[in-house]
Amino acid sequence: METIQVVLDAKLLKKADAAAKRQKVNRSALIRSALQEHLKKLHTLDLEARDQRGYTLLPQREDEFRGWEDVAAWPEN
């Protein structure tokens, strides 16, 4: 692991310390966890944007999934 310096305003630091105490972790662990979650979210947003660009460049044809409609339908009782 690397040691870094992060500047936080007093209000955010107080909230972070309170959250760390509630989670029973130290400040560094809380920040690591929050950063990991944020990076996962950014990755998901990047994938969604990539998919959106792909569907914009090559839109779905109207008949593309018609053959699957019966398979995807709920069975009748």
Protein backbone atom coordinates (compact mmCIF):
# COMPACT_ATOMS: atom_id res chain seq x y z
CA MET A 1 0.00 0.00 0.00
CA GLU A 2 1.00 3.57 -0.60
CA THR A 3 0.60 6.45 1.80
CA ILE A 4 -0.94 9.60 0.32
CA GLN A 5 -2.07 12.94 1.65
CA VAL A 6 -5.65 14.05 1.09
CA VAL A 7 -7.02 17.47 1.98
CA LEU A 8 -10.58 17.52 3.36
CA ASP A 9 -12.55 20.41 4.77
CA ALA A 10 -13.36 20.17 8.47
CA LYS A 11 -17.04 19.35 7.94
CA LEU A 12 -16.32 16.45 5.56
CA LEU A 13 -13.58 15.11 7.83
CA LYS A 14 -15.95 15.15 10.81
CA LYS A 15 -18.59 13.23 8.81
CA ALA A 16 -15.97 10.76 7.58
CA ASP A 17 -14.70 10.14 11.10
CA ALA A 18 -18.26 9.60 12.36
CA ALA A 19 -18.98 7.16 9.52
CA ALA A 20 -15.73 5.30 10.18
CA LYS A 21 -16.64 4.98 13.84
CA ARG A 22 -20.12 3.62 12.95
CA GLN A 23 -18.57 1.12 10.54
CA LYS A 24 -15.89 0.21 13.10
CA VAL A 25 -13.08 0.90 10.65
CA ASN A 26 -10.34 3.48 10.58
CA ARG A 27 -10.45 6.58 8.40
CA SER A 28 -8.13 5.08 5.77
CA ALA A 29 -10.29 1.96 5.39
CA LEU A 30 -13.41 4.10 5.03
CA ILE A 31 -11.80 6.25 2.33
CA ARG A 32 -10.45 3.17 0.49
CA SER A 33 -13.88 1.57 0.50
CA ALA A 34 -15.59 4.77 -0.66
CA LEU A 35 -13.06 5.22 -3.45
CA GLN A 36 -13.44 1.60 -4.59
CA GLU A 37 -17.23 2.00 -4.74
CA HIS A 38 -16.91 5.27 -6.63
CA LEU A 39 -14.51 3.72 -9.16
CA LYS A 40 -16.93 0.80 -9.68
CA LYS A 41 -19.73 3.28 -10.32
CA LEU A 42 -17.58 5.20 -12.82
CA HIS A 43 -16.72 1.93 -14.59
CA THR A 44 -20.41 1.03 -14.83
CA LEU A 45 -21.21 4.49 -16.20
CA ASP A 46 -18.43 4.08 -18.78
CA LEU A 47 -19.84 0.71 -19.88
CA GLU A 48 -23.35 2.14 -20.12
CA ALA A 49 -22.08 5.08 -22.21
CA ARG A 50 -20.22 2.64 -24.49
CA ASP A 51 -23.38 0.57 -24.97
CA GLN A 52 -25.43 3.68 -25.64
CA ARG A 53 -22.93 4.84 -28.28
CA GLY A 54 -23.04 1.37 -29.87
CA TYR A 55 -26.84 1.29 -30.05
CA THR A 56 -26.86 4.84 -31.39
CA LEU A 57 -24.42 3.91 -34.16
CA LEU A 58 -26.14 0.62 -34.93
CA PRO A 59 -29.78 0.79 -33.77
CA GLN A 60 -31.82 -2.34 -33.16
CA ARG A 61 -33.85 -3.42 -36.17
CA GLU A 62 -37.58 -3.79 -35.62
CA ASP A 63 -37.55 -7.46 -36.63
CA GLU A 64 -34.31 -8.34 -34.82
CA PHE A 65 -35.89 -10.07 -31.82
CA ARG A 66 -39.27 -11.00 -33.21
CA GLY A 67 -38.33 -14.70 -33.26
CA TRP A 68 -37.80 -14.65 -29.50
CA GLU A 69 -41.15 -13.13 -28.52
CA ASP A 70 -42.89 -16.48 -27.97
CA VAL A 71 -40.00 -17.81 -25.90
CA ALA A 72 -39.90 -14.68 -23.73
CA ALA A 73 -43.69 -14.63 -23.15
CA TRP A 74 -45.19 -15.88 -19.89
CA PRO A 75 -46.78 -19.29 -20.33
CA GLU A 76 -50.56 -19.39 -20.18
CA ASN A 77 -52.06 -21.26 -17.21
